Amino acid sequence: RGNLLAHAVAKSGTDFSAKAEALLNQALKDAGLSRSRIVRTVATGYGRRNVAFATDQKTEIGCHARGCYFHFRTAITIIDIGGQDNKIIRLDDDGRRLGFKMNRKCAAGTGAFLEEMAARLDLDLGDMDALARGTDEVVELGSYCTVFTATEILEKIRAGRPIGGIVKGIYHSIARRVLEMDAITSQPVLSGGVAAHNPILIDIFSAMLGRPVQAPPRPQLMGAYGAALFAINEEHSGPPKGGDQDL
C-alpha cells in the first residue's frame, strides 16, 4: 500500500549481484517477510542489470521522479546529487517529465568529489556537515575540476584558512556546479545520498535560489522507492495516491 516496511543500504563493492542479493535478504529479515511474498521487483541505478532476481529495470531518472513526486504532488524540479553524477529532472503538476539534464563525465560536484575532498582534508565524511555548520566563514574555491580543487585546498590550508570554512566552501562549490546545469523552474526538491548525509546543502541551495528547497523523507532511498512504486503500478490498476501506505 505504499508504506516503507524495511530498507538496507551498503557499499556496492565489486560484486553487484551478490550485494543486491544480500541487501534483499536483509530487508526481508527486517520486515519479517519471506521471499515468497515478493510479487515483483524493479531494479534501478548503475548496477540494475546485475540484479538477477529483478523482474524489470527502470532508469534512475524515472525512479527518482516517481519517488519524489509521490511526496510532492505538484510541479517540481528534482536535484539529485549522486555518487558518480548529478541530475536535474523537471516534472509538471501531473508528474510527467518535462526534461532532464545530467552533468558531463566529470566527478566534480558529485558524492565522489565530496569523498575525495574529505580524504584530502583527512576528515571523516560524516563529520563534514557539522564542521560546515560550525562556522559563518565560506572559503571560496574557484576550481571546478576535482584535481585542481584538491590543489587549491592545499593552498588554502597553507594560508591558514579554517577547515570549517574550507568545508563550507566545498559545499558551495557543489551547489554552484549543479545550478549551472539547468534552470530551476519550479519547486526545488533535493534527492539522493549526498542530500541525506549533508543536509546543509538544503540550506545552501535555498540561499542561492532565494526560495526554500525541500527534500523527501529518506532522500537517499528515493531511487529505490520510485522503483518499488513502479513495481506496484505494474501489479495494480494505478499508482498509489500518496500518503501513508505500505510498500
Protein backbone atom coordinates (compact mmCIF):
# COMPACT_ATOMS: atom_id res chain seq x y z
CA ARG A 1 0.00 0.00 0.00
CA GLY A 2 2.96 2.37 -0.20
CA ASN A 3 4.50 2.30 3.30
CA LEU A 4 8.19 1.58 3.61
CA LEU A 5 8.45 -1.67 5.59
CA ALA A 6 12.24 -2.05 5.56
CA HIS A 7 15.36 -0.98 3.72
CA ALA A 8 19.02 -1.92 3.58
CA VAL A 9 21.98 0.11 2.33
CA ALA A 10 25.63 -0.90 1.84
CA LYS A 11 28.57 -0.11 -0.39
CA SER A 12 28.17 -1.94 -3.69
CA GLY A 13 31.71 -3.34 -3.71
CA THR A 14 32.91 -5.32 -6.73
CA ASP A 15 30.11 -7.91 -6.95
CA PHE A 16 26.85 -6.02 -7.59
CA SER A 17 24.79 -9.19 -7.94
CA ALA A 18 25.89 -10.70 -4.61
CA LYS A 19 25.43 -7.38 -2.83
CA ALA A 20 21.90 -6.97 -4.20
CA GLU A 21 21.07 -10.49 -3.00
CA ALA A 22 22.45 -9.78 0.49
CA LEU A 23 20.55 -6.50 0.78
CA LEU A 24 17.29 -8.10 -0.32
CA ASN A 25 17.71 -10.79 2.35
CA GLN A 26 18.47 -8.15 4.99
CA ALA A 27 15.42 -6.06 4.06
CA LEU A 28 13.18 -9.13 4.13
CA LYS A 29 14.53 -10.10 7.54
CA ASP A 30 13.94 -6.60 8.93
CA ALA A 31 10.41 -6.57 7.50
CA GLY A 32 9.65 -10.03 8.88
CA LEU A 33 8.68 -11.33 5.43
CA SER A 34 9.55 -14.39 3.40
CA ARG A 35 10.84 -14.18 -0.15
CA SER A 36 7.68 -15.86 -1.41
CA ARG A 37 5.74 -12.68 -0.52
CA ILE A 38 7.51 -10.70 -3.25
CA VAL A 39 5.32 -10.32 -6.34
CA ARG A 40 7.54 -8.09 -8.46
CA THR A 41 10.97 -6.44 -8.17
CA VAL A 42 12.16 -3.44 -10.17
CA ALA A 43 15.89 -2.69 -10.21
CA THR A 44 17.37 0.74 -10.84
CA GLY A 45 20.69 2.54 -10.63
CA TYR A 46 24.11 1.94 -12.09
CA GLY A 47 24.05 -1.81 -11.37
CA ARG A 48 20.43 -2.50 -12.27
CA ARG A 49 21.37 -5.04 -14.93
CA ASN A 50 23.28 -7.06 -12.32
CA VAL A 51 20.23 -7.77 -10.14
CA ALA A 52 19.41 -11.36 -11.06
CA PHE A 53 16.10 -11.53 -9.16
CA ALA A 54 14.63 -8.34 -10.69
CA THR A 55 11.62 -8.75 -12.96
CA ASP A 56 12.10 -5.33 -14.58
CA GLN A 57 14.55 -2.40 -14.76
CA LYS A 58 13.98 1.35 -14.71
CA THR A 59 16.38 4.26 -15.06
CA GLU A 60 17.44 6.35 -12.08
CA ILE A 61 15.82 9.37 -13.71
CA GLY A 62 12.43 7.70 -13.89
CA CYS A 63 12.68 6.25 -10.39
CA HIS A 64 13.79 9.46 -8.65
CA ALA A 65 10.99 11.27 -10.47
CA ARG A 66 8.40 8.71 -9.35
CA GLY A 67 9.67 8.62 -5.77
CA CYS A 68 9.86 12.39 -5.30
CA TYR A 69 6.52 13.10 -6.98
CA PHE A 70 4.86 10.66 -4.57
CA HIS A 71 5.78 13.09 -1.76
CA PHE A 72 5.26 16.39 -3.61
CA ARG A 73 2.12 16.29 -5.74
CA THR A 74 2.93 19.41 -7.73
CA ALA A 75 5.33 20.63 -10.39
CA ILE A 76 8.85 20.07 -9.05
CA THR A 77 12.45 20.30 -10.16
CA ILE A 78 14.42 17.42 -8.69
CA ILE A 79 18.10 17.96 -7.92
CA ASP A 80 19.69 14.54 -7.49
CA ILE A 81 23.31 14.66 -6.35
CA GLY A 82 24.57 11.12 -6.82
CA GLY A 83 27.82 9.32 -6.14
CA GLN A 84 29.00 9.48 -9.76
CA ASP A 85 26.75 12.03 -11.47
CA ASN A 86 24.21 14.79 -10.93
CA LYS A 87 20.77 15.09 -12.45
CA ILE A 88 18.16 17.83 -12.72
CA ILE A 89 14.70 16.47 -13.55
CA ARG A 90 11.72 18.72 -14.24
CA LEU A 91 8.15 17.41 -13.69
CA ASP A 92 4.81 19.06 -14.36
CA ASP A 93 1.81 19.18 -11.99
CA ASP A 94 0.79 15.67 -13.05
CA GLY A 95 4.25 14.18 -12.50
CA ARG A 96 5.06 13.96 -16.22
CA ARG A 97 8.70 14.57 -17.08
CA LEU A 98 9.28 17.82 -18.93
CA GLY A 99 13.01 17.32 -19.33
CA PHE A 100 16.23 16.44 -17.57
CA LYS A 101 19.91 17.29 -17.60
CA MET A 102 22.90 15.28 -16.43
CA ASN A 103 26.39 16.55 -15.69
CA ARG A 104 29.23 15.85 -18.03
CA LYS A 105 31.55 12.90 -17.41
CA CYS A 106 33.32 14.57 -14.52
CA ALA A 107 33.27 13.74 -10.80
CA ALA A 108 33.27 17.41 -9.73
CA GLY A 109 30.17 18.28 -7.71
CA THR A 110 29.21 14.65 -7.01
CA GLY A 111 29.42 12.38 -3.99
CA ALA A 112 32.74 11.05 -5.27
CA PHE A 113 34.05 14.63 -5.30
CA LEU A 114 32.96 15.07 -1.67
CA GLU A 115 34.70 11.82 -0.68
CA GLU A 116 37.90 12.93 -2.40
CA MET A 117 37.84 16.29 -0.62
CA ALA A 118 37.24 14.61 2.75
CA ALA A 119 40.26 12.37 2.16
CA ARG A 120 42.35 15.39 1.15
CA LEU A 121 41.41 17.13 4.42
CA ASP A 122 41.91 13.91 6.43
CA LEU A 123 38.31 14.10 7.65
CA ASP A 124 35.62 11.52 8.21
CA LEU A 125 32.93 12.11 5.59
CA GLY A 126 30.29 12.04 8.32
CA ASP A 127 31.91 14.97 10.16
CA MET A 128 31.82 17.45 7.29
CA ASP A 129 28.25 18.69 7.69
CA ALA A 130 28.79 19.59 11.36
CA LEU A 131 32.11 21.30 10.58
CA ALA A 132 30.49 23.48 7.95
CA ARG A 133 27.61 24.38 10.27
CA GLY A 134 30.07 25.43 12.96
CA THR A 135 31.35 28.48 11.06
CA ASP A 136 29.97 31.52 9.26
CA GLU A 137 33.03 31.78 7.02
CA VAL A 138 32.96 30.45 3.48
CA VAL A 139 36.36 29.89 1.90
CA GLU A 140 35.62 30.36 -1.78
CA LEU A 141 37.03 27.75 -4.14
CA GLY A 142 37.36 28.80 -7.76
CA SER A 143 38.24 25.45 -9.35
CA TYR A 144 35.58 23.04 -10.55
CA CYS A 145 37.92 20.20 -11.51
CA THR A 146 38.42 17.67 -8.68
CA VAL A 147 42.19 17.57 -9.18
CA PHE A 148 42.55 21.37 -9.31
CA THR A 149 40.23 21.81 -6.31
CA ALA A 150 42.40 19.44 -4.27
CA THR A 151 45.46 21.56 -5.10
CA GLU A 152 43.55 24.75 -4.26
CA ILE A 153 42.52 23.30 -0.89
CA LEU A 154 46.17 22.61 -0.05
CA GLU A 155 46.94 26.25 -0.81
CA LYS A 156 44.10 27.37 1.50
CA ILE A 157 45.42 25.15 4.31
CA ARG A 158 48.93 26.56 3.82
CA ALA A 159 47.45 30.05 4.04
CA GLY A 160 45.95 29.18 7.44
CA ARG A 161 42.29 29.25 6.39
CA PRO A 162 39.94 27.43 8.82
CA ILE A 163 38.99 23.86 7.99
CA GLY A 164 35.29 24.52 8.66
CA GLY A 165 35.32 27.40 6.20
CA ILE A 166 37.06 25.26 3.59
CA VAL A 167 34.44 22.51 4.02
CA LYS A 168 31.67 25.08 3.67
CA GLY A 169 33.39 26.32 0.51
CA ILE A 170 33.36 22.76 -0.85
CA TYR A 171 29.59 22.56 -0.32
CA HIS A 172 29.12 25.93 -2.04
CA SER A 173 31.25 24.68 -4.94
CA ILE A 174 29.00 21.61 -5.31
CA ALA A 175 25.84 23.74 -5.30
CA ARG A 176 27.22 26.19 -7.88
CA ARG A 177 28.29 23.33 -10.11
CA VAL A 178 24.81 21.75 -10.00
CA LEU A 179 22.92 25.01 -10.53
CA GLU A 180 24.93 25.70 -13.68
CA MET A 181 23.43 22.59 -15.29
CA ASP A 182 19.89 23.89 -15.83
CA ALA A 183 17.33 26.43 -14.68
CA ILE A 184 15.32 25.56 -11.56
CA THR A 185 11.86 26.49 -12.83
CA SER A 186 9.56 25.00 -10.17
CA GLN A 187 9.62 23.89 -6.54
CA PRO A 188 13.16 22.54 -5.97
CA VAL A 189 13.44 19.12 -4.32
CA LEU A 190 16.80 17.68 -3.27
CA SER A 191 17.21 13.91 -3.59
CA GLY A 192 19.99 11.35 -3.21
CA GLY A 193 22.52 10.16 -0.67
CA VAL A 194 24.59 13.35 -0.65
CA ALA A 195 21.50 15.32 0.41
CA ALA A 196 20.66 12.71 3.05
CA HIS A 197 24.06 12.84 4.74
CA ASN A 198 24.85 16.52 4.11
CA PRO A 199 21.58 18.37 4.87
CA ILE A 200 23.45 21.69 4.99
CA LEU A 201 23.18 21.55 1.20
CA ILE A 202 19.43 22.16 1.54
CA ASP A 203 20.20 25.45 3.30
CA ILE A 204 22.89 26.40 0.77
CA PHE A 205 20.68 25.68 -2.24
CA SER A 206 17.82 27.61 -0.60
CA ALA A 207 20.06 30.65 -0.08
CA MET A 208 21.43 30.52 -3.62
CA LEU A 209 17.99 30.13 -5.21
CA GLY A 210 16.27 32.63 -2.90
CA ARG A 211 13.45 30.22 -2.09
CA PRO A 212 13.01 27.13 0.12
CA VAL A 213 14.37 23.85 -1.14
CA GLN A 214 12.64 20.73 0.16
CA ALA A 215 13.65 17.09 0.49
CA PRO A 216 11.53 13.94 0.68
CA PRO A 217 11.75 11.59 3.66
CA ARG A 218 14.90 9.45 3.40
CA PRO A 219 16.22 11.16 0.26
CA GLN A 220 18.93 8.52 -0.16
CA LEU A 221 16.24 5.90 -0.83
CA MET A 222 14.21 7.83 -3.41
CA GLY A 223 15.54 5.88 -6.39
CA ALA A 224 14.68 2.55 -4.74
CA TYR A 225 11.36 3.93 -3.52
CA GLY A 226 10.44 5.03 -7.03
CA ALA A 227 11.41 1.57 -8.35
CA ALA A 228 9.06 -0.02 -5.82
CA LEU A 229 6.27 2.33 -6.89
CA PHE A 230 6.84 1.23 -10.49
CA ALA A 231 6.53 -2.38 -9.31
CA ILE A 232 3.22 -1.59 -7.59
CA ASN A 233 1.96 0.17 -10.69
CA GLU A 234 2.60 -2.92 -12.79
CA GLU A 235 0.54 -5.08 -10.43
CA HIS A 236 -2.42 -2.75 -9.88
CA SER A 237 -4.63 -0.52 -11.98
CA GLY A 238 -2.85 2.66 -10.93
CA PRO A 239 -0.09 4.08 -8.73
CA PRO A 240 -0.63 4.82 -5.03
CA LYS A 241 -2.38 8.11 -4.40
CA GLY A 242 0.21 9.28 -1.87
CA GLY A 243 0.19 9.38 1.90
CA ASP A 244 0.82 6.55 4.37
CA GLN A 245 0.51 3.23 2.58
CA ASP A 246 2.53 0.04 2.76
CA LEU A 247 5.40 -0.55 0.35
